[in-house]
Amino acid sequence: METWRIPRKDRMADKGGGGDSWRTGMGKSSKAKGGKDSKEVLKPGANAYKIQKAQTREAEIKREVQALLNKICPENKDRIIDRIADIRIEEVEEMEVLIKIIFVKVTDDPHYCETYVDMIAALNKKYPEFPPEEEGASPITFRRMLVNMCQDKFEEMLTKLEEDSEEAVELAKTMEPDELAEITLKRKRNAMATMKFIGNLFVRQLLAAAVIRRVIGDLLDNEPPEMQVEYALELVAAVGRQFESTEKDKAQISIILDRLNNLKGMKNSTTGKPLLSKRVQFAIEDMLVLRTNGWVKKGQIKAVKLDAVAAEQTREEYAAAQASRQGARGGGYGHGRAGRH
């Protein structure tokens, strides 16, 4: 089977834009006075807290961006985006620091994934391009650096998955089961957040459809570990609706879902046991149903902005007032007629 993996050494040759890389398609202090009545000036202790200034420009950017991202939400994202865009970025290394902070924030707080992707789409238009490192290569842009980092994190994630399984055996010997389960769960959440992030970048046209196909191909190739199947399900859930928008991509999502359906009944070639647990088999069935339902989850609640909530409340209050008036008129006419008789 043709592999979709892009070896790191081959990616270096892709700086010109060709090749099968993710980049493709894309106050003064007061003094105490002398005399009997003068107050003693308190001196800070040796270990007193002091506000630390950033030692380097990169540290300053890191502190400023983190402070802004800690405040971001759907209601204030435009204001926060403008403030982040106003941060002076003069070197490629400075932009790389900013992108790393954003990536960590997304994986730590996937609830606002769509908001962060909106921010990335806006920053991509605001930040400058830097000259290529080699003659004839493409300029270095915010989007290009972000895509490269996504690819690095994805490759690292698959490698880490293999290492984690070996590490878990060793940790199980010295660590309490609850502690080991907590570590495993945190790593899984970060990985799932990464998949959701990659999917939303595609939805906002910051990644090509070919990238998504390669990622899912890597995840579901041969006899994939169960965790990789779960990663693929998270990504499919994020991109499924968008893939239905063209006939070509619609055919591709059908192929992907057929592959998932086949994995549901596959057995391990070595042990003869089912490749996937019942839980993941049911998750695949749910994904097939999700497509049938137009990619809308049953009972799904979408995030609503505060002003939209206020507007809906106003409409409901207005409708209630109208109904009340009509009821009052009906009662009044009756009483009026009774009075005239």
C-alpha atoms as a PDB file:
ATOM      1  CA  MET A   1       0.000   0.000   0.000  1.00  0.00           C
ATOM      2  CA  GLU A   2       1.327   3.436  -0.882  1.00  0.00           C
ATOM      3  CA  THR A   3       2.454   5.269   2.209  1.00  0.00           C
ATOM      4  CA  TRP A   4       1.409   8.845   2.851  1.00  0.00           C
ATOM      5  CA  ARG A   5       4.265   9.458   5.233  1.00  0.00           C
ATOM      6  CA  ILE A   6       6.525  12.339   4.264  1.00  0.00           C
ATOM      7  CA  PRO A   7      10.058  11.543   5.513  1.00  0.00           C
ATOM      8  CA  ARG A   8      11.667  14.481   7.269  1.00  0.00           C
ATOM      9  CA  LYS A   9      14.645  14.440   4.888  1.00  0.00           C
ATOM     10  CA  ASP A  10      12.302  14.645   1.880  1.00  0.00           C
ATOM     11  CA  ARG A  11      10.441  17.545   3.412  1.00  0.00           C
ATOM     12  CA  MET A  12      13.634  19.600   3.410  1.00  0.00           C
ATOM     13  CA  ALA A  13      13.700  19.295  -0.362  1.00  0.00           C
ATOM     14  CA  ASP A  14      10.166  20.642  -0.572  1.00  0.00           C
ATOM     15  CA  LYS A  15      10.999  24.233   0.272  1.00  0.00           C
ATOM     16  CA  GLY A  16      10.495  25.174  -3.327  1.00  0.00           C
ATOM     17  CA  GLY A  17       6.818  24.256  -3.088  1.00  0.00           C
ATOM     18  CA  GLY A  18       6.913  20.905  -4.876  1.00  0.00           C
ATOM     19  CA  GLY A  19       6.676  17.422  -3.481  1.00  0.00           C
ATOM     20  CA  ASP A  20       4.063  15.689  -1.411  1.00  0.00           C
ATOM     21  CA  SER A  21       4.294  17.850   1.689  1.00  0.00           C
ATOM     22  CA  TRP A  22       1.738  19.436   3.966  1.00  0.00           C
ATOM     23  CA  ARG A  23       2.876  22.782   2.558  1.00  0.00           C
ATOM     24  CA  THR A  24       1.252  21.927  -0.756  1.00  0.00           C
ATOM     25  CA  GLY A  25      -2.006  23.742  -1.698  1.00  0.00           C
ATOM     26  CA  MET A  26      -1.556  26.233   0.972  1.00  0.00           C
ATOM     27  CA  GLY A  27       7.034  57.832  38.942  1.00  0.00           C
ATOM     28  CA  LYS A  28       9.845  58.964  40.984  1.00  0.00           C
ATOM     29  CA  SER A  29      10.319  57.330  44.412  1.00  0.00           C
ATOM     30  CA  SER A  30       9.741  59.472  47.538  1.00  0.00           C
ATOM     31  CA  LYS A  31      12.563  59.992  50.069  1.00  0.00           C
ATOM     32  CA  ALA A  32      12.161  60.004  53.847  1.00  0.00           C
ATOM     33  CA  LYS A  33      12.884  63.304  55.537  1.00  0.00           C
ATOM     34  CA  GLY A  34      15.068  63.552  58.661  1.00  0.00           C
ATOM     35  CA  GLY A  35      13.830  64.544  62.108  1.00  0.00           C
ATOM     36  CA  LYS A  36      12.015  62.955  65.002  1.00  0.00           C
ATOM     37  CA  ASP A  37       8.673  62.715  63.209  1.00  0.00           C
ATOM     38  CA  SER A  38      10.013  61.108  60.017  1.00  0.00           C
ATOM     39  CA  LYS A  39       8.770  57.592  59.324  1.00  0.00           C
ATOM     40  CA  GLU A  40      11.110  54.714  58.788  1.00  0.00           C
ATOM     41  CA  VAL A  41      11.352  53.702  55.143  1.00  0.00           C
ATOM     42  CA  LEU A  42      10.640  49.984  54.706  1.00  0.00           C
ATOM     43  CA  LYS A  43      13.245  48.130  52.748  1.00  0.00           C
ATOM     44  CA  PRO A  44      12.374  45.054  50.700  1.00  0.00           C
ATOM     45  CA  GLY A  45      13.722  41.787  51.958  1.00  0.00           C
ATOM     46  CA  ALA A  46      16.311  39.807  50.098  1.00  0.00           C
ATOM     47  CA  ASN A  47      13.686  37.346  48.828  1.00  0.00           C
ATOM     48  CA  ALA A  48      10.948  39.906  48.101  1.00  0.00           C
ATOM     49  CA  TYR A  49       8.921  39.427  44.893  1.00  0.00           C
ATOM     50  CA  LYS A  50       9.979  41.627  41.988  1.00  0.00           C
ATOM     51  CA  ILE A  51       8.224  42.088  38.659  1.00  0.00           C
ATOM     52  CA  GLN A  52      10.572  40.503  36.175  1.00  0.00           C
ATOM     53  CA  LYS A  53      11.128  42.160  32.842  1.00  0.00           C
ATOM     54  CA  ALA A  54      11.491  39.959  29.804  1.00  0.00           C
ATOM     55  CA  GLN A  55      15.174  39.274  29.242  1.00  0.00           C
ATOM     56  CA  THR A  56      14.809  38.810  25.480  1.00  0.00           C
ATOM     57  CA  ARG A  57      12.474  39.954  22.739  1.00  0.00           C
ATOM     58  CA  GLU A  58      11.196  36.385  22.330  1.00  0.00           C
ATOM     59  CA  ALA A  59      10.400  36.156  26.054  1.00  0.00           C
ATOM     60  CA  GLU A  60       8.519  39.444  25.815  1.00  0.00           C
ATOM     61  CA  ILE A  61       6.435  38.152  22.897  1.00  0.00           C
ATOM     62  CA  LYS A  62       5.723  34.924  24.762  1.00  0.00           C
ATOM     63  CA  ARG A  63       4.505  36.725  27.869  1.00  0.00           C
ATOM     64  CA  GLU A  64       2.359  39.201  25.920  1.00  0.00           C
ATOM     65  CA  VAL A  65       0.721  36.584  23.675  1.00  0.00           C
ATOM     66  CA  GLN A  66       0.004  34.209  26.555  1.00  0.00           C
ATOM     67  CA  ALA A  67      -1.650  37.028  28.516  1.00  0.00           C
ATOM     68  CA  LEU A  68      -3.904  37.851  25.550  1.00  0.00           C
ATOM     69  CA  LEU A  69      -4.798  34.233  24.756  1.00  0.00           C
ATOM     70  CA  ASN A  70      -5.823  33.661  28.373  1.00  0.00           C
ATOM     71  CA  LYS A  71      -8.589  36.230  27.815  1.00  0.00           C
ATOM     72  CA  ILE A  72      -9.851  35.166  24.390  1.00  0.00           C
ATOM     73  CA  CYS A  73     -13.415  33.923  23.830  1.00  0.00           C
ATOM     74  CA  PRO A  74     -15.915  34.177  20.930  1.00  0.00           C
ATOM     75  CA  GLU A  75     -17.213  37.542  22.212  1.00  0.00           C
ATOM     76  CA  ASN A  76     -13.876  39.374  22.319  1.00  0.00           C
ATOM     77  CA  LYS A  77     -11.855  37.484  19.711  1.00  0.00           C
ATOM     78  CA  ASP A  78     -11.772  40.386  17.209  1.00  0.00           C
ATOM     79  CA  ARG A  79     -10.315  42.745  19.795  1.00  0.00           C
ATOM     80  CA  ILE A  80      -7.765  40.156  20.968  1.00  0.00           C
ATOM     81  CA  ILE A  81      -6.798  39.335  17.378  1.00  0.00           C
ATOM     82  CA  ASP A  82      -6.150  43.020  16.659  1.00  0.00           C
ATOM     83  CA  ARG A  83      -3.942  43.300  19.734  1.00  0.00           C
ATOM     84  CA  ILE A  84      -1.957  40.184  18.831  1.00  0.00           C
ATOM     85  CA  ALA A  85      -1.612  41.426  15.238  1.00  0.00           C
ATOM     86  CA  ASP A  86      -0.178  44.696  16.582  1.00  0.00           C
ATOM     87  CA  ILE A  87       2.710  42.821  18.224  1.00  0.00           C
ATOM     88  CA  ARG A  88       5.829  43.625  16.246  1.00  0.00           C
ATOM     89  CA  ILE A  89       7.260  40.537  14.539  1.00  0.00           C
ATOM     90  CA  GLU A  90      10.617  41.281  12.942  1.00  0.00           C
ATOM     91  CA  GLU A  91      12.232  37.862  12.620  1.00  0.00           C
ATOM     92  CA  VAL A  92      11.218  34.326  11.664  1.00  0.00           C
ATOM     93  CA  GLU A  93      12.241  33.084  15.111  1.00  0.00           C
ATOM     94  CA  GLU A  94       9.821  35.510  16.754  1.00  0.00           C
ATOM     95  CA  MET A  95       6.944  34.288  14.612  1.00  0.00           C
ATOM     96  CA  GLU A  96       7.869  30.696  15.454  1.00  0.00           C
ATOM     97  CA  VAL A  97       7.631  31.516  19.172  1.00  0.00           C
ATOM     98  CA  LEU A  98       4.146  32.956  18.644  1.00  0.00           C
ATOM     99  CA  ILE A  99       2.957  29.910  16.674  1.00  0.00           C
ATOM    100  CA  LYS A 100       4.240  27.509  19.343  1.00  0.00           C
ATOM    101  CA  ILE A 101       2.291  29.381  22.018  1.00  0.00           C
ATOM    102  CA  ILE A 102      -0.890  29.220  19.935  1.00  0.00           C
ATOM    103  CA  PHE A 103      -0.434  25.505  19.302  1.00  0.00           C
ATOM    104  CA  VAL A 104       0.013  24.736  23.006  1.00  0.00           C
ATOM    105  CA  LYS A 105      -3.043  26.831  23.843  1.00  0.00           C
ATOM    106  CA  VAL A 106      -5.193  24.970  21.310  1.00  0.00           C
ATOM    107  CA  THR A 107      -4.227  21.540  22.643  1.00  0.00           C
ATOM    108  CA  ASP A 108      -4.731  22.644  26.255  1.00  0.00           C
ATOM    109  CA  ASP A 109      -8.094  24.309  25.574  1.00  0.00           C
ATOM    110  CA  PRO A 110      -9.821  22.510  22.644  1.00  0.00           C
ATOM    111  CA  HIS A 111     -13.224  23.924  23.675  1.00  0.00           C
ATOM    112  CA  TYR A 112     -12.292  27.165  21.885  1.00  0.00           C
ATOM    113  CA  CYS A 113     -10.626  25.419  18.923  1.00  0.00           C
ATOM    114  CA  GLU A 114     -12.832  27.163  16.330  1.00  0.00           C
ATOM    115  CA  THR A 115     -12.101  30.544  17.932  1.00  0.00           C
ATOM    116  CA  TYR A 116      -8.349  29.940  17.757  1.00  0.00           C
ATOM    117  CA  VAL A 117      -8.610  28.893  14.109  1.00  0.00           C
ATOM    118  CA  ASP A 118     -10.561  32.088  13.351  1.00  0.00           C
ATOM    119  CA  MET A 119      -7.707  33.975  14.974  1.00  0.00           C
ATOM    120  CA  ILE A 120      -5.111  32.112  12.906  1.00  0.00           C
ATOM    121  CA  ALA A 121      -6.982  32.880   9.670  1.00  0.00           C
ATOM    122  CA  ALA A 122      -6.973  36.583  10.560  1.00  0.00           C
ATOM    123  CA  LEU A 123      -3.311  36.652  11.638  1.00  0.00           C
ATOM    124  CA  ASN A 124      -2.324  34.913   8.411  1.00  0.00           C
ATOM    125  CA  LYS A 125      -3.492  38.011   6.536  1.00  0.00           C
ATOM    126  CA  LYS A 126      -1.903  40.492   8.945  1.00  0.00           C
ATOM    127  CA  TYR A 127       1.606  39.152   9.535  1.00  0.00           C
ATOM    128  CA  PRO A 128       4.402  39.838   7.030  1.00  0.00           C
ATOM    129  CA  GLU A 129       6.203  37.398   4.763  1.00  0.00           C
ATOM    130  CA  PHE A 130       9.906  36.747   5.301  1.00  0.00           C
ATOM    131  CA  PRO A 131      12.415  36.021   2.530  1.00  0.00           C
ATOM    132  CA  PRO A 132      13.061  32.309   1.839  1.00  0.00           C
ATOM    133  CA  GLU A 133      16.090  30.686   3.420  1.00  0.00           C
ATOM    134  CA  GLU A 134      17.262  29.424   0.041  1.00  0.00           C
ATOM    135  CA  GLU A 135      17.164  31.007  -3.383  1.00  0.00           C
ATOM    136  CA  GLY A 136      14.142  29.921  -5.409  1.00  0.00           C
ATOM    137  CA  ALA A 137      12.217  28.688  -2.360  1.00  0.00           C
ATOM    138  CA  SER A 138       8.807  30.013  -1.301  1.00  0.00           C
ATOM    139  CA  PRO A 139       8.602  32.940   1.149  1.00  0.00           C
ATOM    140  CA  ILE A 140       8.218  32.095   4.826  1.00  0.00           C
ATOM    141  CA  THR A 141       4.693  32.962   5.924  1.00  0.00           C
ATOM    142  CA  PHE A 142       2.645  32.567   9.096  1.00  0.00           C
ATOM    143  CA  ARG A 143       0.486  29.877   7.470  1.00  0.00           C
ATOM    144  CA  ARG A 144       3.460  27.956   6.079  1.00  0.00           C
ATOM    145  CA  MET A 145       5.173  27.847   9.477  1.00  0.00           C
ATOM    146  CA  LEU A 146       1.952  26.759  11.168  1.00  0.00           C
ATOM    147  CA  VAL A 147       1.398  23.928   8.682  1.00  0.00           C
ATOM    148  CA  ASN A 148       4.990  22.767   9.136  1.00  0.00           C
ATOM    149  CA  MET A 149       4.506  22.683  12.889  1.00  0.00           C
ATOM    150  CA  CYS A 150       1.277  20.688  12.506  1.00  0.00           C
ATOM    151  CA  GLN A 151       3.103  18.131  10.407  1.00  0.00           C
ATOM    152  CA  ASP A 152       5.948  17.906  12.929  1.00  0.00           C
ATOM    153  CA  LYS A 153       3.496  17.473  15.817  1.00  0.00           C
ATOM    154  CA  PHE A 154       1.549  14.804  13.939  1.00  0.00           C
ATOM    155  CA  GLU A 155       4.674  12.788  13.132  1.00  0.00           C
ATOM    156  CA  GLU A 156       5.843  13.218  16.713  1.00  0.00           C
ATOM    157  CA  MET A 157       2.431  12.072  17.944  1.00  0.00           C
ATOM    158  CA  LEU A 158       2.618   8.787  16.022  1.00  0.00           C
ATOM    159  CA  THR A 159       6.153   8.146  17.252  1.00  0.00           C
ATOM    160  CA  LYS A 160       5.100   9.002  20.784  1.00  0.00           C
ATOM    161  CA  LEU A 161       2.229   6.528  20.547  1.00  0.00           C
ATOM    162  CA  GLU A 162       4.693   3.677  20.044  1.00  0.00           C
ATOM    163  CA  GLU A 163       6.962   4.937  22.823  1.00  0.00           C
ATOM    164  CA  ASP A 164       4.043   5.421  25.213  1.00  0.00           C
ATOM    165  CA  SER A 165       2.984   1.793  24.927  1.00  0.00           C
ATOM    166  CA  GLU A 166       6.484   0.694  25.953  1.00  0.00           C
ATOM    167  CA  GLU A 167       6.741   3.388  28.621  1.00  0.00           C
ATOM    168  CA  ALA A 168       3.363   2.395  30.087  1.00  0.00           C
ATOM    169  CA  VAL A 169       4.683  -1.103  30.786  1.00  0.00           C
ATOM    170  CA  GLU A 170       7.598   0.343  32.762  1.00  0.00           C
ATOM    171  CA  LEU A 171       5.497   2.961  34.563  1.00  0.00           C
ATOM    172  CA  ALA A 172       2.961   0.341  35.589  1.00  0.00           C
ATOM    173  CA  LYS A 173       5.676  -1.287  37.701  1.00  0.00           C
ATOM    174  CA  THR A 174       6.320   1.818  39.807  1.00  0.00           C
ATOM    175  CA  MET A 175       3.184   3.985  39.531  1.00  0.00           C
ATOM    176  CA  GLU A 176      -0.275   3.724  41.003  1.00  0.00           C
ATOM    177  CA  PRO A 177      -2.953   2.731  38.451  1.00  0.00           C
ATOM    178  CA  ASP A 178      -4.874   5.995  38.972  1.00  0.00           C
ATOM    179  CA  GLU A 179      -1.773   8.105  38.340  1.00  0.00           C
ATOM    180  CA  LEU A 180      -0.897   6.136  35.202  1.00  0.00           C
ATOM    181  CA  ALA A 181      -4.472   6.449  33.927  1.00  0.00           C
ATOM    182  CA  GLU A 182      -4.375  10.227  34.490  1.00  0.00           C
ATOM    183  CA  ILE A 183      -1.140  10.615  32.506  1.00  0.00           C
ATOM    184  CA  THR A 184      -2.478   8.463  29.669  1.00  0.00           C
ATOM    185  CA  LEU A 185      -5.751  10.388  29.560  1.00  0.00           C
ATOM    186  CA  LYS A 186      -3.962  13.760  29.398  1.00  0.00           C
ATOM    187  CA  ARG A 187      -1.798  12.621  26.488  1.00  0.00           C
ATOM    188  CA  LYS A 188      -4.834  11.277  24.677  1.00  0.00           C
ATOM    189  CA  ARG A 189      -6.735  14.542  25.165  1.00  0.00           C
ATOM    190  CA  ASN A 190      -3.838  16.560  23.763  1.00  0.00           C
ATOM    191  CA  ALA A 191      -3.591  14.264  20.748  1.00  0.00           C
ATOM    192  CA  MET A 192      -7.348  14.414  20.106  1.00  0.00           C
ATOM    193  CA  ALA A 193      -7.207  18.214  20.381  1.00  0.00           C
ATOM    194  CA  THR A 194      -4.427  18.222  17.779  1.00  0.00           C
ATOM    195  CA  MET A 195      -6.603  16.215  15.389  1.00  0.00           C
ATOM    196  CA  LYS A 196      -9.542  18.556  15.938  1.00  0.00           C
ATOM    197  CA  PHE A 197      -7.229  21.526  15.321  1.00  0.00           C
ATOM    198  CA  ILE A 198      -5.922  20.057  12.048  1.00  0.00           C
ATOM    199  CA  GLY A 199      -9.489  19.377  10.938  1.00  0.00           C
ATOM    200  CA  ASN A 200     -10.611  22.937  11.643  1.00  0.00           C
ATOM    201  CA  LEU A 201      -7.606  24.343   9.785  1.00  0.00           C
ATOM    202  CA  PHE A 202      -8.854  22.415   6.737  1.00  0.00           C
ATOM    203  CA  VAL A 203     -12.396  23.734   7.235  1.00  0.00           C
ATOM    204  CA  ARG A 204     -10.996  27.289   7.162  1.00  0.00           C
ATOM    205  CA  GLN A 205      -9.013  26.433   3.994  1.00  0.00           C
ATOM    206  CA  LEU A 206      -5.652  26.712   5.761  1.00  0.00           C
ATOM    207  CA  LEU A 207      -4.876  23.069   4.911  1.00  0.00           C
ATOM    208  CA  ALA A 208      -5.493  21.195   1.663  1.00  0.00           C
ATOM    209  CA  ALA A 209      -7.848  18.215   1.410  1.00  0.00           C
ATOM    210  CA  ALA A 210      -4.872  16.125   0.263  1.00  0.00           C
ATOM    211  CA  VAL A 211      -3.262  16.693   3.672  1.00  0.00           C
ATOM    212  CA  ILE A 212      -6.318  15.321   5.465  1.00  0.00           C
ATOM    213  CA  ARG A 213      -6.352  12.247   3.228  1.00  0.00           C
ATOM    214  CA  ARG A 214      -2.658  11.617   3.938  1.00  0.00           C
ATOM    215  CA  VAL A 215      -3.131  12.016   7.677  1.00  0.00           C
ATOM    216  CA  ILE A 216      -6.064   9.590   7.777  1.00  0.00           C
ATOM    217  CA  GLY A 217      -4.135   7.224   5.506  1.00  0.00           C
ATOM    218  CA  ASP A 218      -1.254   7.198   7.998  1.00  0.00           C
ATOM    219  CA  LEU A 219      -3.609   6.592  10.888  1.00  0.00           C
ATOM    220  CA  LEU A 220      -5.582   3.744   9.311  1.00  0.00           C
ATOM    221  CA  ASP A 221      -2.849   1.947   7.360  1.00  0.00           C
ATOM    222  CA  ASN A 222      -2.325  -1.828   7.826  1.00  0.00           C
ATOM    223  CA  GLU A 223      -3.464  -2.974  11.296  1.00  0.00           C
ATOM    224  CA  PRO A 224      -3.570   0.333  13.163  1.00  0.00           C
ATOM    225  CA  PRO A 225      -3.425   0.578  16.960  1.00  0.00           C
ATOM    226  CA  GLU A 226      -6.807   1.335  18.469  1.00  0.00           C
ATOM    227  CA  MET A 227      -5.692   4.803  19.568  1.00  0.00           C
ATOM    228  CA  GLN A 228      -4.873   5.754  15.966  1.00  0.00           C
ATOM    229  CA  VAL A 229      -8.386   4.745  14.917  1.00  0.00           C
ATOM    230  CA  GLU A 230      -9.754   7.065  17.599  1.00  0.00           C
ATOM    231  CA  TYR A 231      -7.558   9.893  16.297  1.00  0.00           C
ATOM    232  CA  ALA A 232      -8.916   9.286  12.796  1.00  0.00           C
ATOM    233  CA  LEU A 233     -12.504   9.358  14.084  1.00  0.00           C
ATOM    234  CA  GLU A 234     -11.876  12.726  15.747  1.00  0.00           C
ATOM    235  CA  LEU A 235     -10.476  14.132  12.502  1.00  0.00           C
ATOM    236  CA  VAL A 236     -13.302  12.726  10.365  1.00  0.00           C
ATOM    237  CA  ALA A 237     -15.867  14.265  12.724  1.00  0.00           C
ATOM    238  CA  ALA A 238     -14.217  17.664  12.211  1.00  0.00           C
ATOM    239  CA  VAL A 239     -13.942  17.541   8.396  1.00  0.00           C
ATOM    240  CA  GLY A 240     -16.845  15.306   7.361  1.00  0.00           C
ATOM    241  CA  ARG A 241     -19.367  18.046   6.594  1.00  0.00           C
ATOM    242  CA  GLN A 242     -16.800  20.025   4.572  1.00  0.00           C
ATOM    243  CA  PHE A 243     -15.838  16.935   2.564  1.00  0.00           C
ATOM    244  CA  GLU A 244     -19.435  16.628   1.400  1.00  0.00           C
ATOM    245  CA  SER A 245     -19.183  19.969  -0.440  1.00  0.00           C
ATOM    246  CA  THR A 246     -17.556  18.572  -3.618  1.00  0.00           C
ATOM    247  CA  GLU A 247     -18.109  15.305  -5.495  1.00  0.00           C
ATOM    248  CA  LYS A 248     -14.397  14.433  -5.346  1.00  0.00           C
ATOM    249  CA  ASP A 249     -14.110  14.919  -1.583  1.00  0.00           C
ATOM    250  CA  LYS A 250     -17.493  13.258  -1.055  1.00  0.00           C
ATOM    251  CA  ALA A 251     -16.145  10.125  -2.750  1.00  0.00           C
ATOM    252  CA  GLN A 252     -13.059  10.307  -0.541  1.00  0.00           C
ATOM    253  CA  ILE A 253     -15.055  10.458   2.688  1.00  0.00           C
ATOM    254  CA  SER A 254     -17.000   7.423   1.495  1.00  0.00           C
ATOM    255  CA  ILE A 255     -13.727   5.524   1.023  1.00  0.00           C
ATOM    256  CA  ILE A 256     -12.561   6.564   4.502  1.00  0.00           C
ATOM    257  CA  LEU A 257     -15.806   5.457   6.130  1.00  0.00           C
ATOM    258  CA  ASP A 258     -15.669   2.136   4.265  1.00  0.00           C
ATOM    259  CA  ARG A 259     -12.171   1.613   5.650  1.00  0.00           C
ATOM    260  CA  LEU A 260     -13.380   2.345   9.174  1.00  0.00           C
ATOM    261  CA  ASN A 261     -16.284  -0.049   8.715  1.00  0.00           C
ATOM    262  CA  ASN A 262     -13.884  -2.790   7.589  1.00  0.00           C
ATOM    263  CA  LEU A 263     -11.646  -2.199  10.607  1.00  0.00           C
ATOM    264  CA  LYS A 264     -14.675  -2.687  12.845  1.00  0.00           C
ATOM    265  CA  GLY A 265     -14.775  -6.391  11.964  1.00  0.00           C
ATOM    266  CA  MET A 266     -11.040  -6.963  11.447  1.00  0.00           C
ATOM    267  CA  LYS A 267      -9.072  -9.399  13.607  1.00  0.00           C
ATOM    268  CA  ASN A 268      -5.455  -9.134  14.690  1.00  0.00           C
ATOM    269  CA  SER A 269      -3.324 -11.237  12.321  1.00  0.00           C
ATOM    270  CA  THR A 270      -1.144 -12.454  15.203  1.00  0.00           C
ATOM    271  CA  THR A 271      -3.591 -13.118  18.027  1.00  0.00           C
ATOM    272  CA  GLY A 272      -6.792 -13.687  16.060  1.00  0.00           C
ATOM    273  CA  LYS A 273      -8.643 -11.392  18.472  1.00  0.00           C
ATOM    274  CA  PRO A 274     -10.741  -8.407  17.311  1.00  0.00           C
ATOM    275  CA  LEU A 275      -8.495  -5.512  16.351  1.00  0.00           C
ATOM    276  CA  LEU A 276     -10.743  -2.967  18.060  1.00  0.00           C
ATOM    277  CA  SER A 277     -12.611  -2.955  21.343  1.00  0.00           C
ATOM    278  CA  LYS A 278     -16.408  -2.836  21.428  1.00  0.00           C
ATOM    279  CA  ARG A 279     -16.221   0.808  22.490  1.00  0.00           C
ATOM    280  CA  VAL A 280     -14.344   1.858  19.344  1.00  0.00           C
ATOM    281  CA  GLN A 281     -16.499  -0.395  17.164  1.00  0.00           C
ATOM    282  CA  PHE A 282     -19.564   1.435  18.469  1.00  0.00           C
ATOM    283  CA  ALA A 283     -17.793   4.762  17.838  1.00  0.00           C
ATOM    284  CA  ILE A 284     -17.367   3.763  14.179  1.00  0.00           C
ATOM    285  CA  GLU A 285     -21.048   2.865  13.938  1.00  0.00           C
ATOM    286  CA  ASP A 286     -21.899   6.266  15.440  1.00  0.00           C
ATOM    287  CA  MET A 287     -19.736   7.935  12.785  1.00  0.00           C
ATOM    288  CA  LEU A 288     -21.631   6.163  10.008  1.00  0.00           C
ATOM    289  CA  VAL A 289     -24.914   7.315  11.537  1.00  0.00           C
ATOM    290  CA  LEU A 290     -23.510  10.829  11.888  1.00  0.00           C
ATOM    291  CA  ARG A 291     -22.959  11.024   8.145  1.00  0.00           C
ATOM    292  CA  THR A 292     -26.481   9.779   7.511  1.00  0.00           C
ATOM    293  CA  ASN A 293     -27.733  12.603   9.742  1.00  0.00           C
ATOM    294  CA  GLY A 294     -25.821  15.235   7.782  1.00  0.00           C
ATOM    295  CA  TRP A 295     -22.944  15.405  10.300  1.00  0.00           C
ATOM    296  CA  VAL A 296     -25.221  16.845  12.982  1.00  0.00           C
ATOM    297  CA  LYS A 297     -24.938  15.037  16.298  1.00  0.00           C
ATOM    298  CA  LYS A 298     -28.130  14.125  18.100  1.00  0.00           C
ATOM    299  CA  GLY A 299     -28.802  16.734  20.758  1.00  0.00           C
ATOM    300  CA  GLN A 300     -25.819  18.789  19.589  1.00  0.00           C
ATOM    301  CA  ILE A 301     -25.607  22.210  21.214  1.00  0.00           C
ATOM    302  CA  LYS A 302     -23.655  24.827  19.351  1.00  0.00           C
ATOM    303  CA  ALA A 303     -21.725  27.604  21.119  1.00  0.00           C
ATOM    304  CA  VAL A 304     -23.776  30.792  20.985  1.00  0.00           C
ATOM    305  CA  LYS A 305     -22.466  34.313  21.457  1.00  0.00           C
ATOM    306  CA  LEU A 306     -23.846  36.451  24.244  1.00  0.00           C
ATOM    307  CA  ASP A 307     -25.425  38.972  21.856  1.00  0.00           C
ATOM    308  CA  ALA A 308     -27.213  36.128  20.034  1.00  0.00           C
ATOM    309  CA  VAL A 309     -28.588  34.881  23.359  1.00  0.00           C
ATOM    310  CA  ALA A 310     -29.782  38.417  24.191  1.00  0.00           C
ATOM    311  CA  ALA A 311     -31.419  38.791  20.763  1.00  0.00           C
ATOM    312  CA  GLU A 312     -33.242  35.459  21.147  1.00  0.00           C
ATOM    313  CA  GLN A 313     -34.432  36.471  24.598  1.00  0.00           C
ATOM    314  CA  THR A 314     -35.723  39.789  23.207  1.00  0.00           C
ATOM    315  CA  ARG A 315     -37.648  37.944  20.486  1.00  0.00           C
ATOM    316  CA  GLU A 316     -39.196  35.608  23.043  1.00  0.00           C
ATOM    317  CA  GLU A 317     -40.187  38.514  25.306  1.00  0.00           C
ATOM    318  CA  TYR A 318     -41.703  40.374  22.355  1.00  0.00           C
ATOM    319  CA  ALA A 319     -43.719  37.318  21.293  1.00  0.00           C
ATOM    320  CA  ALA A 320     -44.948  36.837  24.866  1.00  0.00           C
ATOM    321  CA  ALA A 321     -45.987  40.517  25.060  1.00  0.00           C
ATOM    322  CA  GLN A 322     -47.874  40.249  21.748  1.00  0.00           C
ATOM    323  CA  ALA A 323     -49.724  37.184  22.954  1.00  0.00           C
ATOM    324  CA  SER A 324     -50.571  38.973  26.203  1.00  0.00           C
ATOM    325  CA  ARG A 325     -51.992  41.977  24.329  1.00  0.00           C
ATOM    326  CA  GLN A 326     -54.140  39.779  22.105  1.00  0.00           C
ATOM    327  CA  GLY A 327     -55.483  38.003  25.155  1.00  0.00           C
ATOM    328  CA  ALA A 328     -56.258  41.330  26.813  1.00  0.00           C
ATOM    329  CA  ARG A 329     -58.129  42.578  23.726  1.00  0.00           C
ATOM    330  CA  GLY A 330     -60.210  39.437  23.588  1.00  0.00           C
ATOM    331  CA  GLY A 331     -61.239  39.848  27.230  1.00  0.00           C
ATOM    332  CA  GLY A 332     -61.975  43.562  26.786  1.00  0.00           C
ATOM    333  CA  TYR A 333     -64.324  43.058  23.852  1.00  0.00           C
ATOM    334  CA  GLY A 334     -66.324  40.533  25.814  1.00  0.00           C
ATOM    335  CA  HIS A 335     -66.666  42.806  28.822  1.00  0.00           C
ATOM    336  CA  GLY A 336     -67.590  45.718  26.534  1.00  0.00           C
ATOM    337  CA  ARG A 337     -70.403  43.814  24.930  1.00  0.00           C
ATOM    338  CA  ALA A 338     -71.666  42.664  28.274  1.00  0.00           C
ATOM    339  CA  GLY A 339     -71.665  46.236  29.524  1.00  0.00           C
ATOM    340  CA  ARG A 340     -73.724  47.541  26.589  1.00  0.00           C
ATOM    341  CA  HIS A 341     -76.499  45.019  27.073  1.00  0.00           C
END
